Amino acid sequence: MPSLRTKSISTKVTDEEYAQFEALAGEQTISEWARDVLLKATKPNAGEQTVLAEVLALRTILLNVHFAVSQGQTLTAEDMRQLIERADQNKLSKAQERLAEAATGGVP
């Protein structure tokens, strides 16, 4: 049996905002549409996580390569493979951490 909805959330909007919400709601009531939007906003966005994960992995690789070169080291293909592997190992968890910090106003 579905649980009953007993709590309410409310806000004031302008006429223009209300018209925009009506248009976005389409066949749904504005209340149902707003509820769906709010619930979706609480879930992580897979696209954002993926893009951020790749950027963080690239950042890790770039910083490690830059540091090695600045120290006069020559990187082999094996060194690069290891850097890429290490960056890929935890890129998603790092992205999730960063997004969680951003959502709560935390500082990385």
N, C-alpha and C. Protein backbone atom coordinates (compact mmCIF):
# COMPACT_ATOMS: atom_id res chain seq x y z
N MET A 1 0.84 -1.16 0.00
CA MET A 1 0.00 0.00 0.00
C MET A 1 0.90 1.24 0.00
N PRO A 2 0.64 2.19 -0.90
CA PRO A 2 1.46 3.40 -0.93
C PRO A 2 1.25 4.23 0.33
N SER A 3 2.33 4.89 0.75
CA SER A 3 2.20 5.73 1.94
C SER A 3 1.46 7.02 1.59
N LEU A 4 0.72 7.51 2.56
CA LEU A 4 -0.05 8.73 2.35
C LEU A 4 0.85 9.95 2.41
N ARG A 5 0.55 10.89 1.58
CA ARG A 5 1.29 12.16 1.60
C ARG A 5 0.59 13.07 2.59
N THR A 6 1.26 13.35 3.69
CA THR A 6 0.62 14.13 4.74
C THR A 6 1.31 15.47 4.98
N LYS A 7 2.46 15.70 4.38
CA LYS A 7 3.20 16.94 4.57
C LYS A 7 3.07 17.81 3.33
N SER A 8 3.20 19.11 3.54
CA SER A 8 3.03 20.05 2.44
C SER A 8 4.21 21.02 2.38
N ILE A 9 4.58 21.40 1.16
CA ILE A 9 5.60 22.42 0.92
C ILE A 9 4.93 23.49 0.07
N SER A 10 5.18 24.74 0.41
CA SER A 10 4.50 25.81 -0.30
C SER A 10 5.45 26.97 -0.55
N THR A 11 5.16 27.73 -1.60
CA THR A 11 5.95 28.93 -1.91
C THR A 11 5.09 29.90 -2.70
N LYS A 12 5.47 31.14 -2.69
CA LYS A 12 4.78 32.18 -3.47
C LYS A 12 5.56 32.40 -4.75
N VAL A 13 4.84 32.62 -5.85
CA VAL A 13 5.45 32.89 -7.14
C VAL A 13 4.73 34.05 -7.81
N THR A 14 5.38 34.65 -8.79
CA THR A 14 4.75 35.72 -9.55
C THR A 14 3.81 35.12 -10.59
N ASP A 15 3.00 35.97 -11.21
CA ASP A 15 2.10 35.50 -12.28
C ASP A 15 2.90 34.88 -13.42
N GLU A 16 4.03 35.51 -13.75
CA GLU A 16 4.86 35.00 -14.85
C GLU A 16 5.46 33.64 -14.50
N GLU A 17 5.93 33.49 -13.28
CA GLU A 17 6.49 32.21 -12.85
C GLU A 17 5.42 31.13 -12.85
N TYR A 18 4.23 31.47 -12.38
CA TYR A 18 3.14 30.50 -12.35
C TYR A 18 2.80 30.04 -13.76
N ALA A 19 2.75 30.99 -14.71
CA ALA A 19 2.46 30.65 -16.10
C ALA A 19 3.54 29.73 -16.66
N GLN A 20 4.78 30.00 -16.29
CA GLN A 20 5.88 29.15 -16.75
C GLN A 20 5.74 27.74 -16.18
N PHE A 21 5.39 27.63 -14.90
CA PHE A 21 5.20 26.32 -14.29
C PHE A 21 4.02 25.58 -14.92
N GLU A 22 2.95 26.31 -15.21
CA GLU A 22 1.79 25.69 -15.86
C GLU A 22 2.19 25.07 -17.19
N ALA A 23 2.97 25.84 -17.96
CA ALA A 23 3.40 25.35 -19.28
C ALA A 23 4.30 24.13 -19.13
N LEU A 24 5.20 24.16 -18.16
CA LEU A 24 6.11 23.03 -17.95
C LEU A 24 5.38 21.80 -17.43
N ALA A 25 4.33 22.01 -16.65
CA ALA A 25 3.59 20.89 -16.07
C ALA A 25 2.83 20.11 -17.12
N GLY A 26 2.42 20.77 -18.19
CA GLY A 26 1.68 20.08 -19.24
C GLY A 26 0.39 19.51 -18.73
N GLU A 27 0.22 18.19 -18.88
CA GLU A 27 -1.01 17.51 -18.44
C GLU A 27 -1.05 17.29 -16.93
N GLN A 28 0.08 17.37 -16.26
CA GLN A 28 0.12 17.18 -14.81
C GLN A 28 -0.43 18.42 -14.10
N THR A 29 -0.87 18.21 -12.88
CA THR A 29 -1.17 19.38 -12.06
C THR A 29 0.17 20.02 -11.70
N ILE A 30 0.13 21.28 -11.38
CA ILE A 30 1.37 21.96 -10.99
C ILE A 30 1.95 21.31 -9.74
N SER A 31 1.10 20.90 -8.81
CA SER A 31 1.57 20.25 -7.59
C SER A 31 2.33 18.96 -7.90
N GLU A 32 1.78 18.13 -8.76
CA GLU A 32 2.45 16.88 -9.12
C GLU A 32 3.75 17.15 -9.86
N TRP A 33 3.70 18.11 -10.78
CA TRP A 33 4.91 18.46 -11.52
C TRP A 33 5.99 18.97 -10.56
N ALA A 34 5.62 19.86 -9.65
CA ALA A 34 6.59 20.42 -8.69
C ALA A 34 7.16 19.31 -7.81
N ARG A 35 6.31 18.40 -7.39
CA ARG A 35 6.78 17.28 -6.57
C ARG A 35 7.80 16.45 -7.34
N ASP A 36 7.51 16.13 -8.60
CA ASP A 36 8.45 15.36 -9.43
C ASP A 36 9.78 16.10 -9.59
N VAL A 37 9.71 17.40 -9.85
CA VAL A 37 10.93 18.20 -10.03
C VAL A 37 11.75 18.21 -8.75
N LEU A 38 11.09 18.40 -7.61
CA LEU A 38 11.82 18.42 -6.34
C LEU A 38 12.46 17.07 -6.04
N LEU A 39 11.74 15.99 -6.29
CA LEU A 39 12.30 14.66 -6.03
C LEU A 39 13.48 14.36 -6.96
N LYS A 40 13.37 14.76 -8.23
CA LYS A 40 14.48 14.54 -9.16
C LYS A 40 15.71 15.35 -8.75
N ALA A 41 15.49 16.52 -8.18
CA ALA A 41 16.60 17.38 -7.77
C ALA A 41 17.39 16.78 -6.62
N THR A 42 16.81 15.84 -5.90
CA THR A 42 17.52 15.22 -4.77
C THR A 42 18.41 14.06 -5.21
N LYS A 43 18.26 13.64 -6.45
CA LYS A 43 19.04 12.50 -6.95
C LYS A 43 20.25 13.01 -7.73
N PRO A 44 21.37 12.32 -7.64
CA PRO A 44 22.54 12.75 -8.38
C PRO A 44 22.32 12.65 -9.89
N ASN A 45 22.87 13.59 -10.61
CA ASN A 45 22.77 13.60 -12.06
C ASN A 45 23.93 12.78 -12.63
N ALA A 46 23.61 11.70 -13.31
CA ALA A 46 24.64 10.79 -13.83
C ALA A 46 25.55 11.49 -14.84
N GLY A 47 24.98 12.34 -15.66
CA GLY A 47 25.78 13.06 -16.65
C GLY A 47 26.80 13.97 -16.00
N GLU A 48 26.37 14.72 -14.99
CA GLU A 48 27.28 15.60 -14.27
C GLU A 48 28.39 14.80 -13.60
N GLN A 49 28.01 13.69 -12.98
CA GLN A 49 29.00 12.84 -12.31
C GLN A 49 30.03 12.32 -13.29
N THR A 50 29.58 11.89 -14.45
CA THR A 50 30.49 11.32 -15.45
C THR A 50 31.45 12.37 -15.97
N VAL A 51 30.93 13.54 -16.34
CA VAL A 51 31.79 14.60 -16.86
C VAL A 51 32.79 15.04 -15.80
N LEU A 52 32.32 15.27 -14.58
CA LEU A 52 33.23 15.69 -13.52
C LEU A 52 34.28 14.62 -13.23
N ALA A 53 33.88 13.35 -13.26
CA ALA A 53 34.83 12.26 -13.03
C ALA A 53 35.94 12.28 -14.07
N GLU A 54 35.57 12.48 -15.32
CA GLU A 54 36.58 12.52 -16.39
C GLU A 54 37.49 13.74 -16.25
N VAL A 55 36.92 14.88 -15.89
CA VAL A 55 37.74 16.09 -15.69
C VAL A 55 38.71 15.89 -14.53
N LEU A 56 38.22 15.30 -13.44
CA LEU A 56 39.11 15.06 -12.29
C LEU A 56 40.21 14.06 -12.63
N ALA A 57 39.89 13.03 -13.41
CA ALA A 57 40.92 12.07 -13.82
C ALA A 57 41.95 12.75 -14.71
N LEU A 58 41.48 13.56 -15.64
CA LEU A 58 42.39 14.30 -16.52
C LEU A 58 43.27 15.25 -15.71
N ARG A 59 42.68 15.91 -14.72
CA ARG A 59 43.43 16.81 -13.85
C ARG A 59 44.54 16.04 -13.11
N THR A 60 44.18 14.88 -12.59
CA THR A 60 45.16 14.06 -11.87
C THR A 60 46.32 13.68 -12.78
N ILE A 61 46.00 13.24 -13.98
CA ILE A 61 47.04 12.83 -14.93
C ILE A 61 47.91 14.04 -15.30
N LEU A 62 47.27 15.14 -15.63
CA LEU A 62 48.00 16.33 -16.05
C LEU A 62 48.93 16.85 -14.96
N LEU A 63 48.44 16.92 -13.74
CA LEU A 63 49.28 17.40 -12.65
C LEU A 63 50.46 16.47 -12.38
N ASN A 64 50.22 15.17 -12.45
CA ASN A 64 51.31 14.21 -12.24
C ASN A 64 52.35 14.29 -13.36
N VAL A 65 51.90 14.43 -14.59
CA VAL A 65 52.83 14.54 -15.72
C VAL A 65 53.62 15.85 -15.59
N HIS A 66 52.91 16.93 -15.30
CA HIS A 66 53.58 18.23 -15.16
C HIS A 66 54.63 18.19 -14.06
N PHE A 67 54.29 17.60 -12.93
CA PHE A 67 55.24 17.50 -11.82
C PHE A 67 56.46 16.68 -12.21
N ALA A 68 56.23 15.54 -12.85
CA ALA A 68 57.34 14.67 -13.25
C ALA A 68 58.27 15.39 -14.22
N VAL A 69 57.69 16.05 -15.20
CA VAL A 69 58.50 16.77 -16.20
C VAL A 69 59.27 17.91 -15.54
N SER A 70 58.62 18.62 -14.60
CA SER A 70 59.30 19.73 -13.93
C SER A 70 60.46 19.25 -13.07
N GLN A 71 60.45 17.99 -12.69
CA GLN A 71 61.53 17.40 -11.90
C GLN A 71 62.59 16.75 -12.80
N GLY A 72 62.42 16.91 -14.11
CA GLY A 72 63.41 16.37 -15.05
C GLY A 72 63.23 14.90 -15.36
N GLN A 73 62.12 14.33 -14.97
CA GLN A 73 61.88 12.90 -15.23
C GLN A 73 61.35 12.71 -16.65
N THR A 74 61.67 11.57 -17.20
CA THR A 74 61.12 11.17 -18.49
C THR A 74 60.10 10.08 -18.23
N LEU A 75 58.89 10.27 -18.71
CA LEU A 75 57.83 9.29 -18.48
C LEU A 75 57.81 8.26 -19.61
N THR A 76 57.77 7.01 -19.23
CA THR A 76 57.66 5.93 -20.20
C THR A 76 56.18 5.64 -20.46
N ALA A 77 55.95 4.82 -21.44
CA ALA A 77 54.58 4.40 -21.74
C ALA A 77 53.98 3.69 -20.53
N GLU A 78 54.79 2.91 -19.85
CA GLU A 78 54.32 2.21 -18.65
C GLU A 78 53.97 3.20 -17.53
N ASP A 79 54.79 4.23 -17.37
CA ASP A 79 54.48 5.27 -16.37
C ASP A 79 53.12 5.92 -16.67
N MET A 80 52.91 6.23 -17.94
CA MET A 80 51.64 6.86 -18.33
C MET A 80 50.46 5.90 -18.09
N ARG A 81 50.66 4.64 -18.42
CA ARG A 81 49.59 3.66 -18.20
C ARG A 81 49.23 3.61 -16.73
N GLN A 82 50.23 3.62 -15.86
CA GLN A 82 49.98 3.57 -14.42
C GLN A 82 49.28 4.84 -13.92
N LEU A 83 49.69 5.99 -14.45
CA LEU A 83 49.03 7.24 -14.08
C LEU A 83 47.55 7.22 -14.48
N ILE A 84 47.28 6.75 -15.67
CA ILE A 84 45.90 6.69 -16.16
C ILE A 84 45.09 5.71 -15.32
N GLU A 85 45.68 4.55 -15.04
CA GLU A 85 44.99 3.55 -14.21
C GLU A 85 44.65 4.10 -12.83
N ARG A 86 45.63 4.77 -12.23
CA ARG A 86 45.42 5.33 -10.89
C ARG A 86 44.35 6.42 -10.92
N ALA A 87 44.37 7.25 -11.94
CA ALA A 87 43.37 8.32 -12.05
C ALA A 87 41.97 7.75 -12.27
N ASP A 88 41.88 6.67 -13.04
CA ASP A 88 40.58 6.05 -13.33
C ASP A 88 40.00 5.29 -12.14
N GLN A 89 40.86 4.82 -11.23
CA GLN A 89 40.41 3.98 -10.12
C GLN A 89 39.37 4.66 -9.24
N ASN A 90 39.57 5.91 -8.92
CA ASN A 90 38.66 6.55 -7.97
C ASN A 90 38.03 7.83 -8.50
N LYS A 91 37.98 7.98 -9.81
CA LYS A 91 37.45 9.21 -10.38
C LYS A 91 35.97 9.41 -10.06
N LEU A 92 35.17 8.36 -10.08
CA LEU A 92 33.74 8.52 -9.82
C LEU A 92 33.49 8.86 -8.36
N SER A 93 34.19 8.20 -7.46
CA SER A 93 33.99 8.52 -6.03
C SER A 93 34.43 9.95 -5.73
N LYS A 94 35.51 10.41 -6.36
CA LYS A 94 35.95 11.78 -6.17
C LYS A 94 34.90 12.76 -6.71
N ALA A 95 34.33 12.43 -7.86
CA ALA A 95 33.30 13.30 -8.44
C ALA A 95 32.08 13.37 -7.52
N GLN A 96 31.66 12.23 -6.99
CA GLN A 96 30.51 12.20 -6.09
C GLN A 96 30.79 13.01 -4.83
N GLU A 97 32.01 12.91 -4.31
CA GLU A 97 32.39 13.70 -3.13
C GLU A 97 32.32 15.19 -3.44
N ARG A 98 32.87 15.59 -4.58
CA ARG A 98 32.87 17.01 -4.95
C ARG A 98 31.46 17.53 -5.14
N LEU A 99 30.60 16.75 -5.79
CA LEU A 99 29.22 17.18 -6.00
C LEU A 99 28.47 17.27 -4.68
N ALA A 100 28.72 16.34 -3.77
CA ALA A 100 28.09 16.38 -2.45
C ALA A 100 28.55 17.61 -1.67
N GLU A 101 29.83 17.90 -1.75
CA GLU A 101 30.36 19.09 -1.08
C GLU A 101 29.72 20.35 -1.66
N ALA A 102 29.60 20.40 -2.97
CA ALA A 102 29.00 21.57 -3.60
C ALA A 102 27.53 21.73 -3.21
N ALA A 103 26.83 20.61 -3.10
CA ALA A 103 25.40 20.65 -2.75
C ALA A 103 25.17 21.13 -1.31
N THR A 104 26.13 20.83 -0.44
CA THR A 104 25.96 21.23 0.96
C THR A 104 26.73 22.49 1.30
N GLY A 105 27.37 23.09 0.30
CA GLY A 105 28.12 24.31 0.54
C GLY A 105 29.47 24.09 1.17
N GLY A 106 29.93 22.84 1.15
CA GLY A 106 31.22 22.51 1.72
C GLY A 106 32.36 22.93 0.82
N VAL A 107 33.53 22.95 1.36
CA VAL A 107 34.73 23.32 0.59
C VAL A 107 35.58 22.07 0.42
N PRO A 108 36.02 21.78 -0.84
CA PRO A 108 36.84 20.59 -1.06
C PRO A 108 38.17 20.66 -0.36
